[in-house]
Amino acid sequence: MSGHGLADVWPLAPMQKGMLFHSAYDHEATDVYRGQVIFDLRGRLDIGALQRAGRALLRRHATLRAGFRTLKSGEAAQFVLREVDLPWQEVDLHGTTEPERARRLDEVMNQEWSHRFVLAEPPLMRLTAIRLDEERSKVVLTVHHILCDGWSTSIIANELIELYRRSGDDSTLPPATPYPEYLAWLGRQDLGAARTAWREALRDSEPTIMAPAKGDRTPVDPDEIRVELTTALATRLQEQARIHGLTMSTVMRGAWALLLGRLTDRRDVVFGGTTAGRPPELPGIDIAVGMFINTLPVRARWREDERMLDLLVRMQKQQAVLLPHEHLTLSEVQGLAGARELFDTLTVFQNYPIDLLDLHETTARAVGEGLTLAGVGGRDATHYPLTFTAMPQRFRLTYRPDLFDKESAEELVSRLLLVLERLAATPDARIGELGILLEGERSRLVEGVNVGGVGVVDATVPGLFGRVVARSRDEVAVVDG
């Protein structure tokens, strides 16, 4: 065990248990549960100040000094060390040719992304500084998601920049909110009421599975397609949400539900949804660092003669009813529904309510003397075959390349855009009027695939059936099962 003495042992939060199941036990497979923040810097990077900032992060947040072990009893435990060393790598590409620099940069970034954390050896966070030339650098912050969710990752990314500015001095930063306060809150929740609520919400539900039945489910690094919504579409979706008292999360989840329904020819679908998991009654929870999110089922049911708006309103009301009960683990909830796997697609809505780094576009901002932050990038992954991650003005579809090819994923994105455009334009339209055929697809189906059909004059379907019976009355008509 690395570090300098055991400080405490904490129980596991619901999402941490799920990540241990998917990450800890198969040491040969890719551990998809890690995330990166990549800072693009201009000017002279002070390596010493960056190292001091990283060490200050580890001192401030006990969560970042946590590790995970399986006990002899088979139970998993989370332990926290008093002190840990900062995992640090420095790469100097100064003086190389541009092609060689690009090749080496890709190599370093891929190695850093693929390098697996050992959950029993904290800290599960590391820093890499890459010097490209005299005026350009990249800093890569990599952290395992078992420690912190996306909200928390943004907090520590912001703090890293602020601590660099202060050369590692955290004395004027607000005190870090202790993660055990959240764990204590979890222990006070009414499990009986939560189980009753989820059992009722999922009564008579059936699994909604999108991935083809091929291959195993060994984790692999996913591919993704990023989509920027047009300003007109993004604005109109937000206007519709505001007019009808809906959250953008509800709108995006509703769009995903309708897409799943059309693709599976069902009117009752289940998919995963991440929850923020930050109880507002806990002081300082908005700036706490830890794994608070949970993944739980989202169920959507409708009739074809209903309006799309009716579905969205109902989904939001159902979410409000379940809000106090979002602390159960996914495995327990699925057990209450009588299914080992209720869904294999996930929805995530990212809308952090505090001024955090935007991982997709940013204007240059001063970081320190002679150094500016020119851009910020990010990378993360999940084990689900399909993950729909939405923001107010963009979304991305993440897919497992061993289960879906790029063309299939691009078609899904195009169909999802059709649903979003329809929700933005006519949310009062009947669901039965919603089509997801792409341009030219209908004509190909009607005029291409259907060519060769026989024209029928003056006949009914029962009449035609009767003719076949008379002609082939001794032949097998139907075989079932």
Protein backbone atom coordinates (compact mmCIF):
# COMPACT_ATOMS: atom_id res chain seq x y z
CA MET A 1 0.00 0.00 0.00
CA SER A 2 1.40 3.38 -0.99
CA GLY A 3 1.07 6.47 1.16
CA HIS A 4 1.83 7.43 4.76
CA GLY A 5 -0.61 5.81 7.18
CA LEU A 6 -4.29 5.01 7.30
CA ALA A 7 -6.53 7.92 8.25
CA ASP A 8 -10.03 6.40 7.99
CA VAL A 9 -12.25 3.73 6.47
CA TRP A 10 -15.45 4.80 4.70
CA PRO A 11 -18.42 2.79 3.40
CA LEU A 12 -19.08 2.82 -0.34
CA ALA A 13 -21.56 5.05 -2.13
CA PRO A 14 -23.99 3.35 -4.59
CA MET A 15 -22.12 4.30 -7.76
CA GLN A 16 -18.77 3.27 -6.28
CA LYS A 17 -20.13 -0.25 -5.75
CA GLY A 18 -21.12 -0.46 -9.40
CA MET A 19 -17.73 0.78 -10.55
CA LEU A 20 -15.93 -1.78 -8.42
CA PHE A 21 -18.00 -4.48 -10.11
CA HIS A 22 -17.09 -3.24 -13.58
CA SER A 23 -13.52 -2.14 -12.90
CA ALA A 24 -11.80 -3.87 -10.04
CA TYR A 25 -12.05 -7.55 -10.71
CA ASP A 26 -10.93 -7.92 -14.31
CA HIS A 27 -7.39 -6.65 -14.16
CA GLU A 28 -6.70 -7.64 -17.75
CA ALA A 29 -9.52 -5.58 -19.28
CA THR A 30 -9.69 -1.86 -19.95
CA ASP A 31 -10.93 0.09 -16.96
CA VAL A 32 -13.28 2.53 -18.65
CA TYR A 33 -14.04 4.49 -15.49
CA ARG A 34 -11.46 7.22 -15.69
CA GLY A 35 -11.65 10.79 -16.85
CA GLN A 36 -9.25 13.42 -18.08
CA VAL A 37 -9.10 17.18 -18.20
CA ILE A 38 -6.55 18.49 -20.71
CA PHE A 39 -5.34 22.08 -20.32
CA ASP A 40 -3.89 23.82 -23.39
CA LEU A 41 -1.50 26.50 -22.11
CA ARG A 42 0.36 29.40 -23.75
CA GLY A 43 3.41 30.95 -22.16
CA ARG A 44 6.02 29.74 -19.68
CA LEU A 45 4.75 26.91 -17.47
CA ASP A 46 6.17 26.89 -13.93
CA ILE A 47 6.64 23.16 -13.25
CA GLY A 48 7.29 23.71 -9.53
CA ALA A 49 4.08 25.71 -9.07
CA LEU A 50 2.09 23.01 -10.90
CA GLN A 51 3.50 20.28 -8.64
CA ARG A 52 2.69 22.31 -5.54
CA ALA A 53 -0.84 22.84 -6.83
CA GLY A 54 -1.30 19.09 -7.37
CA ARG A 55 -0.03 18.29 -3.87
CA ALA A 56 -2.36 20.92 -2.39
CA LEU A 57 -5.32 19.24 -4.10
CA LEU A 58 -4.40 15.95 -2.45
CA ARG A 59 -4.09 17.64 0.95
CA ARG A 60 -7.40 19.52 0.63
CA HIS A 61 -9.60 16.61 -0.44
CA ALA A 62 -9.50 13.38 1.54
CA THR A 63 -11.50 11.76 -1.26
CA LEU A 64 -8.49 12.06 -3.56
CA ARG A 65 -6.41 10.02 -1.09
CA ALA A 66 -8.87 7.10 -1.05
CA GLY A 67 -8.23 3.55 -2.20
CA PHE A 68 -10.42 0.45 -2.44
CA ARG A 69 -9.89 -3.13 -1.31
CA THR A 70 -11.90 -6.33 -1.12
CA LEU A 71 -11.96 -7.76 2.41
CA LYS A 72 -11.71 -11.45 3.30
CA SER A 73 -15.48 -11.40 3.84
CA GLY A 74 -15.95 -10.47 0.17
CA GLU A 75 -17.13 -6.95 1.02
CA ALA A 76 -15.43 -3.95 -0.51
CA ALA A 77 -14.05 -1.16 1.66
CA GLN A 78 -12.87 2.36 0.96
CA PHE A 79 -9.85 3.52 2.96
CA VAL A 80 -8.24 6.96 3.18
CA LEU A 81 -4.55 7.70 3.74
CA ARG A 82 -3.27 10.66 5.72
CA GLU A 83 -0.68 11.53 3.09
CA VAL A 84 0.11 10.38 -0.43
CA ASP A 85 2.72 11.28 -3.01
CA LEU A 86 1.65 13.07 -6.18
CA PRO A 87 1.92 10.76 -9.22
CA TRP A 88 3.77 12.98 -11.65
CA GLN A 89 5.16 12.75 -15.19
CA GLU A 90 7.00 15.41 -17.15
CA VAL A 91 7.56 15.09 -20.91
CA ASP A 92 9.73 17.51 -22.90
CA LEU A 93 9.13 17.58 -26.66
CA HIS A 94 10.97 20.86 -27.13
CA GLY A 95 13.43 20.74 -30.02
CA THR A 96 11.73 17.95 -31.96
CA THR A 97 10.44 18.43 -35.49
CA GLU A 98 6.74 19.14 -35.93
CA PRO A 99 5.89 15.65 -37.31
CA GLU A 100 7.93 13.95 -34.59
CA ARG A 101 6.35 16.19 -31.94
CA ALA A 102 2.83 15.31 -33.13
CA ARG A 103 3.68 11.60 -33.15
CA ARG A 104 5.18 11.71 -29.68
CA LEU A 105 2.30 13.77 -28.31
CA ASP A 106 -0.24 11.21 -29.56
CA GLU A 107 1.87 8.45 -28.06
CA VAL A 108 2.09 10.14 -24.66
CA MET A 109 -1.62 10.98 -24.59
CA ASN A 110 -2.62 7.44 -25.52
CA GLN A 111 -0.29 5.95 -22.92
CA GLU A 112 -1.64 8.27 -20.25
CA TRP A 113 -5.24 7.40 -21.16
CA SER A 114 -4.66 3.65 -21.27
CA HIS A 115 -2.51 3.44 -18.11
CA ARG A 116 -4.69 1.65 -15.59
CA PHE A 117 -5.08 2.73 -11.96
CA VAL A 118 -4.71 0.11 -9.25
CA LEU A 119 -7.67 0.75 -6.96
CA ALA A 120 -5.83 -0.47 -3.85
CA GLU A 121 -2.93 1.94 -4.42
CA PRO A 122 -3.95 5.58 -3.93
CA PRO A 123 -3.91 8.26 -5.07
CA LEU A 124 -6.11 7.47 -8.05
CA MET A 125 -5.20 10.81 -9.59
CA ARG A 126 -2.12 11.86 -11.54
CA LEU A 127 -0.68 14.84 -13.39
CA THR A 128 1.32 14.93 -16.62
CA ALA A 129 3.00 18.08 -17.94
CA ILE A 130 3.97 18.07 -21.63
CA ARG A 131 6.22 20.86 -22.90
CA LEU A 132 5.70 21.28 -26.67
CA ASP A 133 7.99 24.29 -27.25
CA GLU A 134 9.01 27.52 -25.56
CA GLU A 135 5.47 28.91 -25.52
CA ARG A 136 3.15 25.88 -25.62
CA SER A 137 2.39 23.22 -23.00
CA LYS A 138 -0.31 20.73 -22.16
CA VAL A 139 -1.23 19.57 -18.67
CA VAL A 140 -3.23 16.36 -18.30
CA LEU A 141 -5.21 15.72 -15.11
CA THR A 142 -6.34 12.08 -14.95
CA VAL A 143 -8.61 10.79 -12.20
CA HIS A 144 -10.54 7.58 -11.63
CA HIS A 145 -14.29 8.16 -11.56
CA ILE A 146 -14.66 5.97 -8.48
CA LEU A 147 -13.30 9.00 -6.61
CA CYS A 148 -15.31 11.76 -8.18
CA ASP A 149 -18.04 12.44 -10.71
CA GLY A 150 -17.93 14.95 -13.57
CA TRP A 151 -19.10 17.80 -11.35
CA SER A 152 -16.30 17.06 -8.88
CA THR A 153 -13.73 16.70 -11.66
CA SER A 154 -14.61 20.20 -12.81
CA ILE A 155 -14.19 21.47 -9.24
CA ILE A 156 -10.69 20.03 -8.90
CA ALA A 157 -9.77 21.25 -12.39
CA ASN A 158 -10.75 24.78 -11.40
CA GLU A 159 -8.93 24.45 -8.09
CA LEU A 160 -5.79 23.18 -9.83
CA ILE A 161 -5.68 26.38 -11.91
CA GLU A 162 -6.37 28.55 -8.86
CA LEU A 163 -3.76 26.75 -6.76
CA TYR A 164 -1.21 27.11 -9.57
CA ARG A 165 -1.90 30.83 -9.52
CA ARG A 166 -1.22 30.82 -5.74
CA SER A 167 1.80 28.48 -6.01
CA GLY A 168 0.00 25.80 -3.98
CA ASP A 169 -1.28 28.07 -1.17
CA ASP A 170 -4.87 27.02 -0.36
CA SER A 171 -5.28 29.16 2.77
CA THR A 172 -7.76 31.57 1.14
CA LEU A 173 -9.86 28.91 -0.60
CA PRO A 174 -13.15 27.87 1.02
CA PRO A 175 -12.84 24.77 3.25
CA ALA A 176 -13.43 21.49 1.47
CA THR A 177 -16.74 19.83 2.38
CA PRO A 178 -16.01 16.46 4.06
CA TYR A 179 -17.26 13.50 2.00
CA PRO A 180 -18.22 11.48 5.13
CA GLU A 181 -21.04 13.95 5.74
CA TYR A 182 -22.66 12.66 2.55
CA LEU A 183 -22.03 9.05 3.59
CA ALA A 184 -23.72 9.78 6.92
CA TRP A 185 -26.68 11.25 5.04
CA LEU A 186 -26.90 8.06 2.99
CA GLY A 187 -27.09 6.04 6.19
CA ARG A 188 -30.10 8.04 7.40
CA GLN A 189 -32.30 7.38 4.36
CA ASP A 190 -35.50 5.31 4.51
CA LEU A 191 -34.67 2.16 2.54
CA GLY A 192 -38.17 0.72 2.92
CA ALA A 193 -39.85 3.74 1.37
CA ALA A 194 -37.31 3.80 -1.46
CA ARG A 195 -37.85 0.14 -2.27
CA THR A 196 -41.62 0.60 -2.33
CA ALA A 197 -41.34 3.61 -4.66
CA TRP A 198 -39.05 1.84 -7.12
CA ARG A 199 -41.05 -1.39 -7.06
CA GLU A 200 -44.16 0.58 -8.04
CA ALA A 201 -42.36 2.66 -10.68
CA LEU A 202 -41.06 -0.46 -12.44
CA ARG A 203 -44.09 -2.71 -12.00
CA ASP A 204 -44.65 -4.83 -15.17
CA SER A 205 -41.64 -3.26 -16.90
CA GLU A 206 -39.55 -5.22 -19.37
CA PRO A 207 -35.88 -4.77 -20.30
CA THR A 208 -35.05 -2.48 -23.23
CA ILE A 209 -31.90 -3.81 -24.88
CA MET A 210 -30.34 -2.14 -27.91
CA ALA A 211 -27.00 -3.90 -28.31
CA PRO A 212 -26.86 -6.83 -30.74
CA ALA A 213 -26.51 -10.23 -29.09
CA LYS A 214 -22.90 -10.79 -30.04
CA GLY A 215 -19.57 -10.91 -28.31
CA ASP A 216 -18.98 -10.57 -24.59
CA ARG A 217 -19.34 -7.52 -22.39
CA THR A 218 -15.68 -7.15 -21.49
CA PRO A 219 -15.12 -3.37 -21.19
CA VAL A 220 -13.59 -1.65 -24.19
CA ASP A 221 -12.77 1.99 -24.83
CA PRO A 222 -15.71 3.55 -26.68
CA ASP A 223 -15.82 5.80 -29.72
CA GLU A 224 -17.97 8.90 -29.83
CA ILE A 225 -19.74 11.31 -32.15
CA ARG A 226 -20.04 14.94 -31.02
CA VAL A 227 -22.82 17.15 -32.29
CA GLU A 228 -23.20 20.91 -31.96
CA LEU A 229 -26.86 21.92 -32.12
CA THR A 230 -27.62 24.86 -34.34
CA THR A 231 -28.27 28.06 -32.41
CA ALA A 232 -31.87 28.06 -33.67
CA LEU A 233 -32.53 24.48 -32.52
CA ALA A 234 -30.86 24.92 -29.13
CA THR A 235 -32.74 28.18 -28.50
CA ARG A 236 -36.10 26.73 -29.52
CA LEU A 237 -35.65 23.63 -27.32
CA GLN A 238 -34.87 25.85 -24.33
CA GLU A 239 -37.86 28.06 -25.12
CA GLN A 240 -40.19 25.06 -25.25
CA ALA A 241 -38.80 23.81 -21.95
CA ARG A 242 -39.35 27.20 -20.31
CA ILE A 243 -42.86 27.67 -21.73
CA HIS A 244 -44.04 24.29 -20.50
CA GLY A 245 -42.20 24.24 -17.17
CA LEU A 246 -39.82 21.47 -18.17
CA THR A 247 -36.14 20.98 -17.46
CA MET A 248 -33.76 20.48 -20.37
CA SER A 249 -32.86 17.15 -18.81
CA THR A 250 -36.48 16.05 -19.20
CA VAL A 251 -36.56 17.20 -22.83
CA MET A 252 -33.39 15.31 -23.70
CA ARG A 253 -34.49 12.17 -21.87
CA GLY A 254 -37.86 12.36 -23.59
CA ALA A 255 -36.17 12.53 -26.97
CA TRP A 256 -34.08 9.46 -26.13
CA ALA A 257 -37.18 7.59 -24.93
CA LEU A 258 -39.05 8.31 -28.16
CA LEU A 259 -36.05 7.23 -30.23
CA LEU A 260 -35.79 3.95 -28.33
CA GLY A 261 -39.52 3.40 -28.75
CA ARG A 262 -39.36 3.87 -32.50
CA LEU A 263 -36.27 1.68 -32.88
CA THR A 264 -37.73 -1.16 -30.78
CA ASP A 265 -41.39 -0.68 -31.82
CA ARG A 266 -42.42 -0.31 -28.18
CA ARG A 267 -44.53 2.14 -26.16
CA ASP A 268 -42.90 1.29 -22.82
CA VAL A 269 -39.12 1.63 -22.62
CA VAL A 270 -36.49 1.71 -19.88
CA PHE A 271 -33.06 3.30 -20.04
CA GLY A 272 -30.44 4.50 -17.60
CA GLY A 273 -30.24 8.01 -16.24
CA THR A 274 -27.53 9.53 -14.06
CA THR A 275 -28.61 11.52 -11.02
CA ALA A 276 -26.58 14.32 -9.43
CA GLY A 277 -26.94 12.70 -5.99
CA ARG A 278 -26.16 15.95 -4.14
CA PRO A 279 -28.85 16.42 -1.42
CA PRO A 280 -29.56 20.15 -1.12
CA GLU A 281 -30.05 19.88 2.64
CA LEU A 282 -26.32 19.22 3.10
CA PRO A 283 -24.36 22.50 3.49
CA GLY A 284 -21.55 22.92 0.98
CA ILE A 285 -22.62 19.95 -1.12
CA ASP A 286 -22.32 22.02 -4.31
CA ILE A 287 -18.55 22.36 -3.85
CA ALA A 288 -17.91 18.91 -2.38
CA VAL A 289 -15.57 16.49 -4.17
CA GLY A 290 -16.60 12.83 -4.34
CA MET A 291 -18.64 10.23 -6.17
CA PHE A 292 -22.20 11.45 -5.68
CA ILE A 293 -23.89 10.48 -8.93
CA ASN A 294 -25.93 7.32 -9.29
CA THR A 295 -27.28 5.49 -12.33
CA LEU A 296 -30.91 4.41 -12.09
CA PRO A 297 -33.68 3.30 -14.47
CA VAL A 298 -35.83 5.83 -16.30
CA ARG A 299 -39.14 4.44 -17.53
CA ALA A 300 -41.24 6.10 -20.24
CA ARG A 301 -44.72 4.91 -21.32
CA TRP A 302 -47.12 6.45 -23.79
CA ARG A 303 -49.99 5.98 -26.23
CA GLU A 304 -49.59 6.84 -29.89
CA ASP A 305 -52.53 9.29 -29.72
CA GLU A 306 -50.91 11.28 -26.91
CA ARG A 307 -48.99 14.48 -27.49
CA MET A 308 -45.22 14.40 -27.11
CA LEU A 309 -45.64 17.17 -24.56
CA ASP A 310 -47.87 14.91 -22.44
CA LEU A 311 -45.09 12.35 -22.26
CA LEU A 312 -42.50 14.95 -21.20
CA VAL A 313 -44.74 16.36 -18.46
CA ARG A 314 -45.46 12.87 -17.14
CA MET A 315 -41.78 11.90 -17.17
CA GLN A 316 -40.91 15.00 -15.15
CA LYS A 317 -43.62 14.26 -12.57
CA GLN A 318 -42.43 10.68 -12.25
CA GLN A 319 -38.90 11.91 -11.75
CA ALA A 320 -40.07 14.25 -8.97
CA VAL A 321 -41.77 11.34 -7.18
CA LEU A 322 -38.60 9.25 -7.30
CA LEU A 323 -36.22 12.10 -6.40
CA PRO A 324 -36.16 11.32 -2.64
CA HIS A 325 -35.38 7.68 -3.41
CA GLU A 326 -32.39 7.98 -5.74
CA HIS A 327 -29.95 6.61 -3.18
CA LEU A 328 -30.54 2.90 -3.82
CA THR A 329 -27.97 0.98 -5.84
CA LEU A 330 -28.79 0.07 -9.43
CA SER A 331 -28.41 -3.64 -8.70
CA GLU A 332 -30.98 -3.42 -5.90
CA VAL A 333 -33.43 -1.46 -8.04
CA GLN A 334 -33.13 -3.94 -10.89
CA GLY A 335 -33.67 -6.74 -8.40
CA LEU A 336 -36.90 -5.10 -7.27
CA ALA A 337 -38.00 -5.10 -10.91
CA GLY A 338 -37.11 -8.77 -11.24
CA ALA A 339 -34.51 -8.23 -13.94
CA ARG A 340 -30.75 -8.67 -13.97
CA GLU A 341 -30.41 -6.05 -16.71
CA LEU A 342 -33.23 -3.58 -17.36
CA PHE A 343 -31.39 -1.46 -19.91
CA ASP A 344 -28.14 -1.12 -21.81
CA THR A 345 -28.31 2.54 -22.83
CA LEU A 346 -27.46 5.50 -20.60
CA THR A 347 -28.44 9.19 -20.61
CA VAL A 348 -26.37 11.90 -18.93
CA PHE A 349 -27.29 15.57 -18.74
CA GLN A 350 -24.40 17.89 -17.88
CA ASN A 351 -25.42 21.28 -16.57
CA TYR A 352 -23.23 22.22 -13.64
CA PRO A 353 -24.87 25.04 -11.65
CA ILE A 354 -21.61 26.78 -10.67
CA ASP A 355 -18.98 28.59 -12.68
CA LEU A 356 -16.80 25.69 -13.74
CA LEU A 357 -14.53 25.05 -16.65
CA ASP A 358 -16.41 24.41 -19.88
CA LEU A 359 -14.72 21.35 -21.33
CA HIS A 360 -15.57 22.21 -24.93
CA GLU A 361 -15.01 25.87 -25.53
CA THR A 362 -13.31 28.57 -23.53
CA THR A 363 -11.74 31.97 -24.11
CA ALA A 364 -8.13 32.52 -23.10
CA ARG A 365 -7.81 33.41 -19.43
CA ALA A 366 -4.82 34.31 -17.33
CA VAL A 367 -3.48 31.48 -15.18
CA GLY A 368 -0.38 33.16 -13.83
CA GLU A 369 2.34 35.56 -14.77
CA GLY A 370 3.10 35.04 -18.45
CA LEU A 371 0.76 32.04 -18.76
CA THR A 372 -2.75 31.82 -20.23
CA LEU A 373 -5.25 29.00 -20.55
CA ALA A 374 -6.03 28.84 -24.28
CA GLY A 375 -8.40 25.87 -24.18
CA VAL A 376 -9.66 22.93 -22.18
CA GLY A 377 -10.51 19.48 -23.44
CA GLY A 378 -11.90 16.42 -21.76
CA ARG A 379 -12.26 12.69 -22.15
CA ASP A 380 -14.20 10.03 -20.28
CA ALA A 381 -16.02 6.75 -20.88
CA THR A 382 -18.60 4.28 -19.57
CA HIS A 383 -19.15 0.55 -20.05
CA TYR A 384 -22.63 0.95 -21.63
CA PRO A 385 -23.08 0.04 -25.32
CA LEU A 386 -24.70 3.44 -25.98
CA THR A 387 -24.44 6.62 -23.89
CA PHE A 388 -26.27 9.84 -24.78
CA THR A 389 -24.56 12.77 -23.03
CA ALA A 390 -26.47 16.01 -23.49
CA MET A 391 -25.81 19.65 -22.70
CA PRO A 392 -27.99 22.66 -23.51
CA GLN A 393 -26.24 23.33 -26.84
CA ARG A 394 -24.54 20.07 -27.75
CA PHE A 395 -24.55 16.35 -27.22
CA ARG A 396 -22.41 13.34 -27.88
CA LEU A 397 -23.25 9.73 -28.57
CA THR A 398 -20.70 7.33 -27.12
CA TYR A 399 -20.78 3.79 -28.47
CA ARG A 400 -18.89 0.54 -28.09
CA PRO A 401 -17.18 -0.12 -31.44
CA ASP A 402 -17.35 -3.88 -30.88
CA LEU A 403 -21.16 -3.67 -30.84
CA PHE A 404 -21.97 -0.77 -33.18
CA ASP A 405 -20.10 0.42 -36.25
CA LYS A 406 -19.61 4.10 -37.04
CA GLU A 407 -22.30 4.13 -39.75
CA SER A 408 -24.91 2.73 -37.35
CA ALA A 409 -23.95 5.26 -34.69
CA GLU A 410 -24.17 8.13 -37.18
CA GLU A 411 -27.65 6.95 -38.21
CA LEU A 412 -28.72 6.96 -34.55
CA VAL A 413 -27.45 10.53 -34.21
CA SER A 414 -29.36 11.62 -37.34
CA ARG A 415 -32.59 10.02 -36.07
CA LEU A 416 -32.14 11.62 -32.66
CA LEU A 417 -31.77 15.02 -34.31
CA LEU A 418 -35.09 14.44 -36.11
CA VAL A 419 -36.78 13.81 -32.75
CA LEU A 420 -35.22 16.91 -31.20
CA GLU A 421 -36.25 19.06 -34.15
CA ARG A 422 -39.82 17.80 -33.87
CA LEU A 423 -39.90 18.50 -30.13
CA ALA A 424 -38.58 22.00 -30.77
CA ALA A 425 -41.08 22.75 -33.55
CA THR A 426 -44.31 20.98 -32.54
CA PRO A 427 -44.31 19.45 -29.04
CA ASP A 428 -48.14 19.33 -29.28
CA ALA A 429 -47.96 16.83 -32.16
CA ARG A 430 -49.26 13.31 -31.55
CA ILE A 431 -46.58 10.74 -30.88
CA GLY A 432 -48.03 8.57 -33.65
CA GLU A 433 -47.09 11.30 -36.14
CA LEU A 434 -43.40 11.13 -35.17
CA GLY A 435 -41.25 9.58 -37.88
CA ILE A 436 -37.54 8.89 -37.75
CA LEU A 437 -36.93 7.87 -41.37
CA LEU A 438 -33.96 9.73 -42.82
CA GLU A 439 -33.98 11.59 -46.13
CA GLY A 440 -34.52 9.20 -49.01
CA GLU A 441 -35.10 6.25 -46.69
CA ARG A 442 -38.85 6.05 -47.23
CA SER A 443 -38.53 6.06 -51.01
CA ARG A 444 -35.85 3.36 -50.83
CA LEU A 445 -38.14 1.19 -48.73
CA VAL A 446 -41.28 1.75 -50.80
CA GLU A 447 -39.80 1.93 -54.29
CA GLY A 448 -36.74 -0.27 -53.78
CA VAL A 449 -37.23 -3.00 -51.19
CA ASN A 450 -40.94 -3.31 -51.98
CA VAL A 451 -40.54 -3.65 -55.76
CA GLY A 452 -42.05 -6.92 -57.00
CA GLY A 453 -45.28 -6.74 -55.01
CA VAL A 454 -48.40 -8.05 -56.73
CA GLY A 455 -51.22 -5.64 -57.52
CA VAL A 456 -54.65 -6.75 -56.22
CA VAL A 457 -57.97 -5.57 -57.64
CA ASP A 458 -61.43 -6.00 -56.05
CA ALA A 459 -60.25 -8.09 -53.11
CA THR A 460 -60.19 -7.89 -49.33
CA VAL A 461 -57.60 -9.26 -46.91
CA PRO A 462 -60.03 -11.91 -45.55
CA GLY A 463 -60.88 -12.81 -49.14
CA LEU A 464 -57.22 -13.25 -50.07
CA PHE A 465 -56.64 -15.31 -46.94
CA GLY A 466 -59.58 -17.51 -47.89
CA ARG A 467 -58.10 -18.12 -51.34
CA VAL A 468 -54.81 -19.28 -49.80
CA VAL A 469 -56.65 -21.60 -47.41
CA ALA A 470 -58.64 -23.13 -50.26
CA ARG A 471 -55.50 -23.59 -52.32
CA SER A 472 -53.28 -24.95 -49.52
CA ARG A 473 -55.65 -26.26 -46.87
CA ASP A 474 -53.40 -29.25 -45.98
CA GLU A 475 -50.21 -27.21 -45.49
CA VAL A 476 -48.85 -25.81 -42.21
CA ALA A 477 -49.94 -22.18 -41.81
CA VAL A 478 -48.18 -21.02 -38.62
CA VAL A 479 -45.39 -22.34 -36.42
CA ASP A 480 -44.82 -20.62 -33.08
CA GLY A 481 -42.20 -21.30 -30.42
